[in-house]
Amino acid sequence: METGIRPGDIWLMQESGIKGWEIRLSAIKDGKEYRDLHGRYPKISKRTAQMAEIVFRYGLYFEKPYIYYSLKIKRSCEDPRFQIHLVRVYHQHIQFLRGQM
């Protein structure tokens, strides 16, 4: 995910949570709004915004629950230590390093 937002929270996102290219969404886990390491709201690409528009207009983009896709990705990786959330952590570190340059 390009935003670092938990997939469970993305599934509950509403159209009112997208302001231009920014996503304003509270986490289910702790109730805090998602922000990057510099305190800015996560931004989405033009393609993601187009996909979100389709979702809000016609219903769910994915036909199966999140856990189905998560397990499918996890099983496709040969390394049993693979953890899907590490992709998000790596992305956040890259964003942080770009902000320091």
C-alpha atoms as a PDB file:
ATOM      1  CA  MET A   1       0.000   0.000   0.000  1.00  0.00           C
ATOM      2  CA  GLU A   2       1.337   3.359  -0.879  1.00  0.00           C
ATOM      3  CA  THR A   3      -0.081   5.087   2.213  1.00  0.00           C
ATOM      4  CA  GLY A   4       0.996   2.872   5.092  1.00  0.00           C
ATOM      5  CA  ILE A   5      -2.613   2.610   6.263  1.00  0.00           C
ATOM      6  CA  ARG A   6      -3.667  -0.699   7.746  1.00  0.00           C
ATOM      7  CA  PRO A   7      -5.747  -2.756   5.298  1.00  0.00           C
ATOM      8  CA  GLY A   8      -8.500  -3.254   7.870  1.00  0.00           C
ATOM      9  CA  ASP A   9      -8.871   0.522   8.121  1.00  0.00           C
ATOM     10  CA  ILE A  10      -8.859   1.006   4.335  1.00  0.00           C
ATOM     11  CA  TRP A  11     -11.858  -1.308   4.038  1.00  0.00           C
ATOM     12  CA  LEU A  12     -13.836   1.034   6.314  1.00  0.00           C
ATOM     13  CA  MET A  13     -12.818   4.252   4.563  1.00  0.00           C
ATOM     14  CA  GLN A  14     -15.580   6.518   3.295  1.00  0.00           C
ATOM     15  CA  GLU A  15     -15.596   9.008   0.451  1.00  0.00           C
ATOM     16  CA  SER A  16     -15.527  11.914   2.902  1.00  0.00           C
ATOM     17  CA  GLY A  17     -12.087  10.710   4.083  1.00  0.00           C
ATOM     18  CA  ILE A  18     -10.409  11.691   0.797  1.00  0.00           C
ATOM     19  CA  LYS A  19      -9.592  15.388   0.469  1.00  0.00           C
ATOM     20  CA  GLY A  20      -7.883  15.935  -2.869  1.00  0.00           C
ATOM     21  CA  TRP A  21      -4.825  13.687  -2.772  1.00  0.00           C
ATOM     22  CA  GLU A  22      -4.836  13.343   1.023  1.00  0.00           C
ATOM     23  CA  ILE A  23      -6.460  10.595   3.064  1.00  0.00           C
ATOM     24  CA  ARG A  24      -7.909  11.544   6.416  1.00  0.00           C
ATOM     25  CA  LEU A  25      -8.703   8.410   8.334  1.00  0.00           C
ATOM     26  CA  SER A  26      -8.604   7.343  11.983  1.00  0.00           C
ATOM     27  CA  ALA A  27      -7.080   4.016  12.927  1.00  0.00           C
ATOM     28  CA  ILE A  28      -9.359   1.422  14.476  1.00  0.00           C
ATOM     29  CA  LYS A  29      -6.528   0.260  16.726  1.00  0.00           C
ATOM     30  CA  ASP A  30      -5.886   3.500  18.642  1.00  0.00           C
ATOM     31  CA  GLY A  31      -8.284   6.094  17.175  1.00  0.00           C
ATOM     32  CA  LYS A  32      -5.461   8.399  16.028  1.00  0.00           C
ATOM     33  CA  GLU A  33      -5.429   9.899  12.546  1.00  0.00           C
ATOM     34  CA  TYR A  34      -2.909   8.483  10.106  1.00  0.00           C
ATOM     35  CA  ARG A  35       0.033  10.789   9.514  1.00  0.00           C
ATOM     36  CA  ASP A  36       3.507  10.242   8.081  1.00  0.00           C
ATOM     37  CA  LEU A  37       6.668  10.695  10.129  1.00  0.00           C
ATOM     38  CA  HIS A  38       6.568  14.472   9.535  1.00  0.00           C
ATOM     39  CA  GLY A  39       2.949  14.875  10.647  1.00  0.00           C
ATOM     40  CA  ARG A  40       1.460  15.167   7.151  1.00  0.00           C
ATOM     41  CA  TYR A  41      -1.565  13.229   5.947  1.00  0.00           C
ATOM     42  CA  PRO A  42      -0.808  10.291   3.638  1.00  0.00           C
ATOM     43  CA  LYS A  43      -1.116  11.119  -0.056  1.00  0.00           C
ATOM     44  CA  ILE A  44      -2.423   8.869  -2.800  1.00  0.00           C
ATOM     45  CA  SER A  45      -1.581   8.705  -6.482  1.00  0.00           C
ATOM     46  CA  LYS A  46      -3.893   9.688  -9.312  1.00  0.00           C
ATOM     47  CA  ARG A  47      -4.484   6.007 -10.122  1.00  0.00           C
ATOM     48  CA  THR A  48      -5.448   5.208  -6.530  1.00  0.00           C
ATOM     49  CA  ALA A  49      -7.840   8.173  -6.493  1.00  0.00           C
ATOM     50  CA  GLN A  50      -9.473   6.823  -9.665  1.00  0.00           C
ATOM     51  CA  MET A  51      -9.817   3.385  -8.072  1.00  0.00           C
ATOM     52  CA  ALA A  52     -11.331   4.922  -4.936  1.00  0.00           C
ATOM     53  CA  GLU A  53     -13.879   6.764  -7.078  1.00  0.00           C
ATOM     54  CA  ILE A  54     -14.915   3.465  -8.663  1.00  0.00           C
ATOM     55  CA  VAL A  55     -15.212   1.841  -5.248  1.00  0.00           C
ATOM     56  CA  PHE A  56     -17.386   4.615  -3.847  1.00  0.00           C
ATOM     57  CA  ARG A  57     -19.560   4.742  -6.944  1.00  0.00           C
ATOM     58  CA  TYR A  58     -20.115   1.035  -7.584  1.00  0.00           C
ATOM     59  CA  GLY A  59     -19.331  -0.749  -4.324  1.00  0.00           C
ATOM     60  CA  LEU A  60     -16.419  -2.851  -3.146  1.00  0.00           C
ATOM     61  CA  TYR A  61     -13.413  -3.153  -5.448  1.00  0.00           C
ATOM     62  CA  PHE A  62     -12.342  -6.459  -3.925  1.00  0.00           C
ATOM     63  CA  GLU A  63     -14.836  -9.304  -3.914  1.00  0.00           C
ATOM     64  CA  LYS A  64     -13.304 -11.347  -1.096  1.00  0.00           C
ATOM     65  CA  PRO A  65     -12.363 -10.368   2.461  1.00  0.00           C
ATOM     66  CA  TYR A  66      -8.969  -8.888   3.279  1.00  0.00           C
ATOM     67  CA  ILE A  67      -7.753 -12.061   5.010  1.00  0.00           C
ATOM     68  CA  TYR A  68      -8.170 -14.035   1.771  1.00  0.00           C
ATOM     69  CA  TYR A  69      -5.773 -11.770  -0.132  1.00  0.00           C
ATOM     70  CA  SER A  70      -3.371 -11.504   2.798  1.00  0.00           C
ATOM     71  CA  LEU A  71      -3.085 -15.286   3.113  1.00  0.00           C
ATOM     72  CA  LYS A  72      -2.764 -15.693  -0.650  1.00  0.00           C
ATOM     73  CA  ILE A  73       0.235 -13.346  -0.699  1.00  0.00           C
ATOM     74  CA  LYS A  74       1.759 -14.916   2.389  1.00  0.00           C
ATOM     75  CA  ARG A  75       1.439 -18.454   0.999  1.00  0.00           C
ATOM     76  CA  SER A  76       2.966 -17.419  -2.313  1.00  0.00           C
ATOM     77  CA  CYS A  77       6.185 -16.426  -0.579  1.00  0.00           C
ATOM     78  CA  GLU A  78       8.562 -19.336   0.000  1.00  0.00           C
ATOM     79  CA  ASP A  79      10.113 -17.809   3.114  1.00  0.00           C
ATOM     80  CA  PRO A  80       8.018 -18.795   6.180  1.00  0.00           C
ATOM     81  CA  ARG A  81       9.319 -15.700   8.018  1.00  0.00           C
ATOM     82  CA  PHE A  82       7.627 -13.374   5.518  1.00  0.00           C
ATOM     83  CA  GLN A  83       5.380 -10.790   7.197  1.00  0.00           C
ATOM     84  CA  ILE A  84       3.191  -8.570   5.040  1.00  0.00           C
ATOM     85  CA  HIS A  85       3.320  -5.608   7.439  1.00  0.00           C
ATOM     86  CA  LEU A  86       7.074  -5.274   6.888  1.00  0.00           C
ATOM     87  CA  VAL A  87       6.325  -3.818   3.449  1.00  0.00           C
ATOM     88  CA  ARG A  88       4.520  -0.922   5.153  1.00  0.00           C
ATOM     89  CA  VAL A  89       7.340  -0.416   7.666  1.00  0.00           C
ATOM     90  CA  TYR A  90       9.904  -0.338   4.850  1.00  0.00           C
ATOM     91  CA  HIS A  91       7.779   2.211   2.954  1.00  0.00           C
ATOM     92  CA  GLN A  92       7.573   4.476   6.029  1.00  0.00           C
ATOM     93  CA  HIS A  93      11.345   4.370   6.471  1.00  0.00           C
ATOM     94  CA  ILE A  94      11.857   5.345   2.833  1.00  0.00           C
ATOM     95  CA  GLN A  95       9.438   8.276   3.267  1.00  0.00           C
ATOM     96  CA  PHE A  96      11.319   9.381   6.378  1.00  0.00           C
ATOM     97  CA  LEU A  97      14.692   9.237   4.613  1.00  0.00           C
ATOM     98  CA  ARG A  98      13.359  11.218   1.642  1.00  0.00           C
ATOM     99  CA  GLY A  99      12.109  13.883   4.040  1.00  0.00           C
ATOM    100  CA  GLN A 100      15.589  14.289   5.522  1.00  0.00           C
ATOM    101  CA  MET A 101      17.289  14.880   2.158  1.00  0.00           C
END
